[in-house]
Amino acid sequence: GQEGSAGPIVTAGGLVFIGGTRDSKFRAFD
């Protein structure tokens, strides 16, 4: 896990998108 200030977004497609971590990744979760 890493510290970060950005928040998640959630969609009707069943996804949670979030960046904000220092590893410079952008992720999608179920």
PDB file of all heavy atoms in Angstrom:
ATOM      1  N   GLY A   1       0.844  -1.187   0.000  1.00  0.00           N
ATOM      2  CA  GLY A   1       0.000   0.000   0.000  1.00  0.00           C
ATOM      3  C   GLY A   1       0.880   1.238   0.000  1.00  0.00           C
ATOM      4  O   GLY A   1       2.052   1.192   0.402  1.00  0.00           O
ATOM      5  N   GLN A   2       0.348   2.353  -0.480  1.00  0.00           N
ATOM      6  CA  GLN A   2       1.109   3.601  -0.516  1.00  0.00           C
ATOM      7  C   GLN A   2       0.214   4.772  -0.157  1.00  0.00           C
ATOM      8  O   GLN A   2      -0.997   4.763  -0.384  1.00  0.00           O
ATOM      9  CB  GLN A   2       1.710   3.834  -1.904  1.00  0.00           C
ATOM     10  CG  GLN A   2       2.852   2.906  -2.250  1.00  0.00           C
ATOM     11  CD  GLN A   2       3.498   3.277  -3.569  1.00  0.00           C
ATOM     12  OE1 GLN A   2       2.837   3.405  -4.588  1.00  0.00           O
ATOM     13  NE2 GLN A   2       4.811   3.463  -3.561  1.00  0.00           N
ATOM     14  N   GLU A   3       0.859   5.780   0.410  1.00  0.00           N
ATOM     15  CA  GLU A   3       0.146   7.012   0.734  1.00  0.00           C
ATOM     16  C   GLU A   3      -0.300   7.706  -0.547  1.00  0.00           C
ATOM     17  O   GLU A   3       0.385   7.653  -1.570  1.00  0.00           O
ATOM     18  CB  GLU A   3       1.077   7.919   1.528  1.00  0.00           C
ATOM     19  CG  GLU A   3       0.454   9.184   2.052  1.00  0.00           C
ATOM     20  CD  GLU A   3       1.449  10.024   2.826  1.00  0.00           C
ATOM     21  OE1 GLU A   3       2.250   9.443   3.594  1.00  0.00           O
ATOM     22  OE2 GLU A   3       1.444  11.259   2.659  1.00  0.00           O
ATOM     23  N   GLY A   4      -1.450   8.362  -0.516  1.00  0.00           N
ATOM     24  CA  GLY A   4      -1.946   9.092  -1.676  1.00  0.00           C
ATOM     25  C   GLY A   4      -3.182   9.880  -1.318  1.00  0.00           C
ATOM     26  O   GLY A   4      -3.914   9.515  -0.391  1.00  0.00           O
ATOM     27  N   SER A   5      -3.430  10.959  -2.050  1.00  0.00           N
ATOM     28  CA  SER A   5      -4.547  11.847  -1.736  1.00  0.00           C
ATOM     29  C   SER A   5      -5.711  11.740  -2.706  1.00  0.00           C
ATOM     30  O   SER A   5      -6.807  12.205  -2.405  1.00  0.00           O
ATOM     31  CB  SER A   5      -4.063  13.305  -1.712  1.00  0.00           C
ATOM     32  OG  SER A   5      -3.081  13.488  -0.723  1.00  0.00           O
ATOM     33  N   ALA A   6      -5.481  11.183  -3.894  1.00  0.00           N
ATOM     34  CA  ALA A   6      -6.554  11.087  -4.886  1.00  0.00           C
ATOM     35  C   ALA A   6      -7.631  10.114  -4.411  1.00  0.00           C
ATOM     36  O   ALA A   6      -7.362   9.176  -3.659  1.00  0.00           O
ATOM     37  CB  ALA A   6      -5.991  10.629  -6.222  1.00  0.00           C
ATOM     38  N   GLY A   7      -8.855  10.345  -4.873  1.00  0.00           N
ATOM     39  CA  GLY A   7      -9.966   9.494  -4.482  1.00  0.00           C
ATOM     40  C   GLY A   7     -10.382   8.541  -5.584  1.00  0.00           C
ATOM     41  O   GLY A   7      -9.965   8.671  -6.738  1.00  0.00           O
ATOM     42  N   PRO A   8     -11.233   7.566  -5.256  1.00  0.00           N
ATOM     43  CA  PRO A   8     -11.736   6.626  -6.256  1.00  0.00           C
ATOM     44  C   PRO A   8     -12.952   7.174  -6.988  1.00  0.00           C
ATOM     45  O   PRO A   8     -13.591   8.132  -6.537  1.00  0.00           O
ATOM     46  CB  PRO A   8     -12.131   5.418  -5.410  1.00  0.00           C
ATOM     47  CG  PRO A   8     -12.566   6.025  -4.108  1.00  0.00           C
ATOM     48  CD  PRO A   8     -11.706   7.241  -3.904  1.00  0.00           C
ATOM     49  N   ILE A   9     -13.270   6.556  -8.135  1.00  0.00           N
ATOM     50  CA  ILE A   9     -14.566   6.744  -8.772  1.00  0.00           C
ATOM     51  C   ILE A   9     -15.175   5.356  -8.963  1.00  0.00           C
ATOM     52  O   ILE A   9     -14.451   4.353  -9.017  1.00  0.00           O
ATOM     53  CB  ILE A   9     -14.466   7.497 -10.118  1.00  0.00           C
ATOM     54  CG1 ILE A   9     -13.824   6.622 -11.204  1.00  0.00           C
ATOM     55  CG2 ILE A   9     -13.706   8.793  -9.955  1.00  0.00           C
ATOM     56  CD1 ILE A   9     -13.894   7.236 -12.611  1.00  0.00           C
ATOM     57  N   VAL A  10     -16.502   5.281  -9.042  1.00  0.00           N
ATOM     58  CA  VAL A  10     -17.191   4.003  -9.198  1.00  0.00           C
ATOM     59  C   VAL A  10     -18.188   4.128 -10.337  1.00  0.00           C
ATOM     60  O   VAL A  10     -18.764   5.202 -10.550  1.00  0.00           O
ATOM     61  CB  VAL A  10     -17.877   3.575  -7.881  1.00  0.00           C
ATOM     62  CG1 VAL A  10     -18.901   4.590  -7.419  1.00  0.00           C
ATOM     63  CG2 VAL A  10     -18.502   2.186  -8.005  1.00  0.00           C
ATOM     64  N   THR A  11     -18.382   3.046 -11.093  1.00  0.00           N
ATOM     65  CA  THR A  11     -19.245   3.102 -12.271  1.00  0.00           C
ATOM     66  C   THR A  11     -20.312   2.019 -12.226  1.00  0.00           C
ATOM     67  O   THR A  11     -20.174   1.006 -11.523  1.00  0.00           O
ATOM     68  CB  THR A  11     -18.427   2.925 -13.564  1.00  0.00           C
ATOM     69  OG1 THR A  11     -18.064   1.541 -13.702  1.00  0.00           O
ATOM     70  CG2 THR A  11     -17.174   3.784 -13.552  1.00  0.00           C
ATOM     71  N   ALA A  12     -21.358   2.229 -13.036  1.00  0.00           N
ATOM     72  CA  ALA A  12     -22.405   1.220 -13.177  1.00  0.00           C
ATOM     73  C   ALA A  12     -21.889  -0.039 -13.859  1.00  0.00           C
ATOM     74  O   ALA A  12     -22.542  -1.084 -13.821  1.00  0.00           O
ATOM     75  CB  ALA A  12     -23.581   1.796 -13.966  1.00  0.00           C
ATOM     76  N   GLY A  13     -20.711   0.051 -14.460  1.00  0.00           N
ATOM     77  CA  GLY A  13     -20.082  -1.122 -15.050  1.00  0.00           C
ATOM     78  C   GLY A  13     -19.419  -2.025 -14.030  1.00  0.00           C
ATOM     79  O   GLY A  13     -18.753  -3.002 -14.413  1.00  0.00           O
ATOM     80  N   GLY A  14     -19.591  -1.717 -12.752  1.00  0.00           N
ATOM     81  CA  GLY A  14     -19.055  -2.565 -11.692  1.00  0.00           C
ATOM     82  C   GLY A  14     -17.606  -2.325 -11.361  1.00  0.00           C
ATOM     83  O   GLY A  14     -16.948  -3.191 -10.775  1.00  0.00           O
ATOM     84  N   LEU A  15     -17.077  -1.136 -11.697  1.00  0.00           N
ATOM     85  CA  LEU A  15     -15.652  -0.862 -11.570  1.00  0.00           C
ATOM     86  C   LEU A  15     -15.366   0.282 -10.610  1.00  0.00           C
ATOM     87  O   LEU A  15     -16.147   1.238 -10.502  1.00  0.00           O
ATOM     88  CB  LEU A  15     -15.069  -0.513 -12.936  1.00  0.00           C
ATOM     89  CG  LEU A  15     -15.157  -1.614 -13.999  1.00  0.00           C
ATOM     90  CD1 LEU A  15     -14.814  -1.052 -15.366  1.00  0.00           C
ATOM     91  CD2 LEU A  15     -14.227  -2.775 -13.641  1.00  0.00           C
ATOM     92  N   VAL A  16     -14.223   0.181  -9.944  1.00  0.00           N
ATOM     93  CA  VAL A  16     -13.655   1.270  -9.155  1.00  0.00           C
ATOM     94  C   VAL A  16     -12.311   1.619  -9.779  1.00  0.00           C
ATOM     95  O   VAL A  16     -11.418   0.768  -9.860  1.00  0.00           O
ATOM     96  CB  VAL A  16     -13.469   0.877  -7.677  1.00  0.00           C
ATOM     97  CG1 VAL A  16     -12.771   2.000  -6.916  1.00  0.00           C
ATOM     98  CG2 VAL A  16     -14.805   0.561  -7.033  1.00  0.00           C
ATOM     99  N   PHE A  17     -12.172   2.876 -10.250  1.00  0.00           N
ATOM    100  CA  PHE A  17     -10.915   3.351 -10.820  1.00  0.00           C
ATOM    101  C   PHE A  17     -10.225   4.273  -9.813  1.00  0.00           C
ATOM    102  O   PHE A  17     -10.877   5.118  -9.184  1.00  0.00           O
ATOM    103  CB  PHE A  17     -11.162   4.145 -12.110  1.00  0.00           C
ATOM    104  CG  PHE A  17     -11.568   3.316 -13.293  1.00  0.00           C
ATOM    105  CD1 PHE A  17     -12.906   3.150 -13.614  1.00  0.00           C
ATOM    106  CD2 PHE A  17     -10.613   2.720 -14.100  1.00  0.00           C
ATOM    107  CE1 PHE A  17     -13.298   2.396 -14.713  1.00  0.00           C
ATOM    108  CE2 PHE A  17     -10.975   1.968 -15.206  1.00  0.00           C
ATOM    109  CZ  PHE A  17     -12.322   1.802 -15.512  1.00  0.00           C
ATOM    110  N   ILE A  18      -8.897   4.144  -9.703  1.00  0.00           N
ATOM    111  CA  ILE A  18      -8.158   5.042  -8.817  1.00  0.00           C
ATOM    112  C   ILE A  18      -6.680   5.067  -9.194  1.00  0.00           C
ATOM    113  O   ILE A  18      -6.094   4.059  -9.599  1.00  0.00           O
ATOM    114  CB  ILE A  18      -8.337   4.631  -7.331  1.00  0.00           C
ATOM    115  CG1 ILE A  18      -7.707   5.673  -6.402  1.00  0.00           C
ATOM    116  CG2 ILE A  18      -7.793   3.233  -7.065  1.00  0.00           C
ATOM    117  CD1 ILE A  18      -8.079   5.497  -4.938  1.00  0.00           C
ATOM    118  N   GLY A  19      -6.073   6.248  -9.098  1.00  0.00           N
ATOM    119  CA  GLY A  19      -4.628   6.427  -9.220  1.00  0.00           C
ATOM    120  C   GLY A  19      -4.098   6.886  -7.866  1.00  0.00           C
ATOM    121  O   GLY A  19      -4.454   6.349  -6.829  1.00  0.00           O
ATOM    122  N   GLY A  20      -3.227   7.923  -7.881  1.00  0.00           N
ATOM    123  CA  GLY A  20      -2.835   8.574  -6.641  1.00  0.00           C
ATOM    124  C   GLY A  20      -1.650   7.982  -5.926  1.00  0.00           C
ATOM    125  O   GLY A  20      -1.148   8.585  -4.982  1.00  0.00           O
ATOM    126  N   THR A  21      -1.167   6.816  -6.322  1.00  0.00           N
ATOM    127  CA  THR A  21      -0.054   6.196  -5.616  1.00  0.00           C
ATOM    128  C   THR A  21       1.276   6.536  -6.286  1.00  0.00           C
ATOM    129  O   THR A  21       1.336   6.791  -7.482  1.00  0.00           O
ATOM    130  CB  THR A  21      -0.231   4.666  -5.576  1.00  0.00           C
ATOM    131  OG1 THR A  21      -0.496   4.186  -6.896  1.00  0.00           O
ATOM    132  CG2 THR A  21      -1.396   4.290  -4.677  1.00  0.00           C
ATOM    133  N   ARG A  22       2.350   6.490  -5.492  1.00  0.00           N
ATOM    134  CA  ARG A  22       3.657   6.911  -6.002  1.00  0.00           C
ATOM    135  C   ARG A  22       4.268   5.920  -6.984  1.00  0.00           C
ATOM    136  O   ARG A  22       5.303   6.209  -7.585  1.00  0.00           O
ATOM    137  CB  ARG A  22       4.617   7.150  -4.835  1.00  0.00           C
ATOM    138  CG  ARG A  22       4.251   8.370  -4.002  1.00  0.00           C
ATOM    139  CD  ARG A  22       5.374   8.750  -3.073  1.00  0.00           C
ATOM    140  NE  ARG A  22       5.042   9.928  -2.283  1.00  0.00           N
ATOM    141  CZ  ARG A  22       5.916  10.584  -1.517  1.00  0.00           C
ATOM    142  NH1 ARG A  22       7.161  10.160  -1.439  1.00  0.00           N
ATOM    143  NH2 ARG A  22       5.540  11.638  -0.827  1.00  0.00           N
ATOM    144  N   ASP A  23       3.660   4.753  -7.135  1.00  0.00           N
ATOM    145  CA  ASP A  23       4.167   3.811  -8.132  1.00  0.00           C
ATOM    146  C   ASP A  23       3.687   4.148  -9.544  1.00  0.00           C
ATOM    147  O   ASP A  23       3.947   3.396 -10.494  1.00  0.00           O
ATOM    148  CB  ASP A  23       3.796   2.370  -7.775  1.00  0.00           C
ATOM    149  CG  ASP A  23       2.289   2.168  -7.595  1.00  0.00           C
ATOM    150  OD1 ASP A  23       1.514   3.055  -7.996  1.00  0.00           O
ATOM    151  OD2 ASP A  23       1.901   1.121  -7.049  1.00  0.00           O
ATOM    152  N   SER A  24       2.993   5.283  -9.679  1.00  0.00           N
ATOM    153  CA  SER A  24       2.562   5.787 -10.996  1.00  0.00           C
ATOM    154  C   SER A  24       1.708   4.789 -11.755  1.00  0.00           C
ATOM    155  O   SER A  24       1.836   4.630 -12.969  1.00  0.00           O
ATOM    156  CB  SER A  24       3.780   6.200 -11.847  1.00  0.00           C
ATOM    157  OG  SER A  24       4.504   7.231 -11.223  1.00  0.00           O
ATOM    158  N   LYS A  25       0.814   4.118 -11.051  1.00  0.00           N
ATOM    159  CA  LYS A  25      -0.106   3.178 -11.677  1.00  0.00           C
ATOM    160  C   LYS A  25      -1.536   3.738 -11.608  1.00  0.00           C
ATOM    161  O   LYS A  25      -1.902   4.451 -10.683  1.00  0.00           O
ATOM    162  CB  LYS A  25      -0.061   1.828 -10.950  1.00  0.00           C
ATOM    163  CG  LYS A  25       1.297   1.126 -10.964  1.00  0.00           C
ATOM    164  CD  LYS A  25       1.581   0.479 -12.293  1.00  0.00           C
ATOM    165  CE  LYS A  25       2.902  -0.287 -12.281  1.00  0.00           C
ATOM    166  NZ  LYS A  25       2.916  -1.408 -11.331  1.00  0.00           N
ATOM    167  N   PHE A  26      -2.314   3.363 -12.606  1.00  0.00           N
ATOM    168  CA  PHE A  26      -3.747   3.659 -12.652  1.00  0.00           C
ATOM    169  C   PHE A  26      -4.454   2.316 -12.685  1.00  0.00           C
ATOM    170  O   PHE A  26      -4.145   1.469 -13.537  1.00  0.00           O
ATOM    171  CB  PHE A  26      -4.068   4.507 -13.879  1.00  0.00           C
ATOM    172  CG  PHE A  26      -5.485   5.010 -13.936  1.00  0.00           C
ATOM    173  CD1 PHE A  26      -6.116   5.517 -12.815  1.00  0.00           C
ATOM    174  CD2 PHE A  26      -6.193   4.993 -15.137  1.00  0.00           C
ATOM    175  CE1 PHE A  26      -7.416   5.990 -12.870  1.00  0.00           C
ATOM    176  CE2 PHE A  26      -7.491   5.467 -15.211  1.00  0.00           C
ATOM    177  CZ  PHE A  26      -8.109   5.964 -14.066  1.00  0.00           C
ATOM    178  N   ARG A  27      -5.394   2.077 -11.769  1.00  0.00           N
ATOM    179  CA  ARG A  27      -5.943   0.743 -11.562  1.00  0.00           C
ATOM    180  C   ARG A  27      -7.466   0.729 -11.648  1.00  0.00           C
ATOM    181  O   ARG A  27      -8.125   1.736 -11.374  1.00  0.00           O
ATOM    182  CB  ARG A  27      -5.521   0.217 -10.192  1.00  0.00           C
ATOM    183  CG  ARG A  27      -4.017   0.026 -10.001  1.00  0.00           C
ATOM    184  CD  ARG A  27      -3.701  -0.363  -8.571  1.00  0.00           C
ATOM    185  NE  ARG A  27      -2.317  -0.809  -8.389  1.00  0.00           N
ATOM    186  CZ  ARG A  27      -1.307  -0.005  -8.090  1.00  0.00           C
ATOM    187  NH1 ARG A  27      -1.522   1.297  -7.932  1.00  0.00           N
ATOM    188  NH2 ARG A  27      -0.091  -0.497  -7.937  1.00  0.00           N
ATOM    189  N   ALA A  28      -7.988  -0.461 -11.982  1.00  0.00           N
ATOM    190  CA  ALA A  28      -9.430  -0.710 -11.954  1.00  0.00           C
ATOM    191  C   ALA A  28      -9.678  -1.969 -11.140  1.00  0.00           C
ATOM    192  O   ALA A  28      -9.034  -3.005 -11.364  1.00  0.00           O
ATOM    193  CB  ALA A  28      -9.994  -0.869 -13.367  1.00  0.00           C
ATOM    194  N   PHE A  29     -10.625  -1.886 -10.207  1.00  0.00           N
ATOM    195  CA  PHE A  29     -10.979  -3.006  -9.343  1.00  0.00           C
ATOM    196  C   PHE A  29     -12.443  -3.383  -9.546  1.00  0.00           C
ATOM    197  O   PHE A  29     -13.281  -2.532  -9.897  1.00  0.00           O
ATOM    198  CB  PHE A  29     -10.767  -2.636  -7.870  1.00  0.00           C
ATOM    199  CG  PHE A  29      -9.351  -2.300  -7.516  1.00  0.00           C
ATOM    200  CD1 PHE A  29      -8.882  -0.989  -7.597  1.00  0.00           C
ATOM    201  CD2 PHE A  29      -8.468  -3.281  -7.103  1.00  0.00           C
ATOM    202  CE1 PHE A  29      -7.576  -0.668  -7.263  1.00  0.00           C
ATOM    203  CE2 PHE A  29      -7.159  -2.976  -6.769  1.00  0.00           C
ATOM    204  CZ  PHE A  29      -6.709  -1.665  -6.856  1.00  0.00           C
ATOM    205  N   ASP A  30     -12.755  -4.638  -9.272  1.00  0.00           N
ATOM    206  CA  ASP A  30     -14.146  -5.096  -9.230  1.00  0.00           C
ATOM    207  C   ASP A  30     -14.769  -4.541  -7.958  1.00  0.00           C
ATOM    208  O   ASP A  30     -14.282  -4.799  -6.852  1.00  0.00           O
ATOM    209  CB  ASP A  30     -14.187  -6.626  -9.231  1.00  0.00           C
ATOM    210  CG  ASP A  30     -15.600  -7.171  -9.403  1.00  0.00           C
ATOM    211  OD1 ASP A  30     -16.553  -6.614  -8.804  1.00  0.00           O
ATOM    212  OD2 ASP A  30     -15.751  -8.179 -10.114  1.00  0.00           O
TER     213      ASP A  30
END
